[in-house]
Protein backbone atom coordinates (compact mmCIF):
# COMPACT_ATOMS: atom_id res chain seq x y z
CA MET A 1 134.63 74.35 115.98
CA ALA A 2 134.94 73.94 111.94
CA SER A 3 134.83 70.78 109.99
CA SER A 4 138.14 69.66 107.92
CA LYS A 5 138.43 67.67 104.90
CA LEU A 6 141.91 66.45 103.41
CA VAL A 7 142.69 63.99 100.86
CA VAL A 8 145.76 62.06 101.29
CA ASN A 9 147.67 60.64 98.01
CA ASN A 10 150.62 58.15 97.83
CA LEU A 11 149.64 56.26 101.16
CA SER A 12 151.04 52.87 101.80
CA GLU A 13 149.01 49.99 100.94
CA LEU A 14 149.69 48.91 104.06
CA ALA A 15 148.21 52.10 105.67
CA THR A 16 145.28 51.43 107.85
CA GLU A 17 142.16 53.80 109.29
CA ASP A 18 143.81 53.57 112.71
CA ASP A 19 147.12 54.90 111.18
CA LEU A 20 145.19 57.95 109.66
CA LYS A 21 143.55 58.68 112.36
CA GLU A 22 146.05 58.71 115.15
CA LEU A 23 148.13 61.16 112.62
CA PHE A 24 145.53 63.60 112.08
CA PHE A 25 144.07 63.66 115.60
CA LYS A 26 146.45 66.43 116.93
CA GLU A 27 144.69 68.73 114.82
CA GLY A 28 141.17 67.43 115.97
CA PRO A 29 138.91 64.46 116.73
CA VAL A 30 138.94 62.60 113.19
CA ASP A 31 135.32 61.83 112.20
CA SER A 32 135.77 59.17 109.52
CA VAL A 33 138.47 58.01 106.97
CA ASP A 34 137.10 56.72 103.70
CA PHE A 35 139.42 55.07 101.50
CA GLU A 36 139.04 56.04 98.02
CA SER A 37 141.59 53.36 96.66
CA SER A 38 144.15 51.44 98.60
CA THR A 39 146.57 54.75 98.26
CA CYS A 40 143.88 57.32 98.66
CA ALA A 41 141.82 58.76 102.07
CA VAL A 42 139.67 61.34 102.52
CA VAL A 43 140.14 62.58 106.19
CA LYS A 44 137.29 64.28 108.01
CA PHE A 45 138.11 65.80 111.16
CA ARG A 46 136.91 69.14 113.50
CA SER A 47 139.62 71.45 113.99
CA SER A 48 139.35 74.28 116.13
CA LYS A 49 142.61 75.96 114.64
CA HIS A 50 141.77 78.95 111.98
CA VAL A 51 143.52 77.96 108.49
């Protein structure tokens, strides 16, 4: 299973870690969500899909 990292910009300032985990869970288990600012986050997850 490969590890993936995705930078997500233009988030609502109301977006939470749980919101992003729920959104990206369908791609694979989310390892972490690190907010770089109130509108930008890095989502790290494990994916079994080949991109």
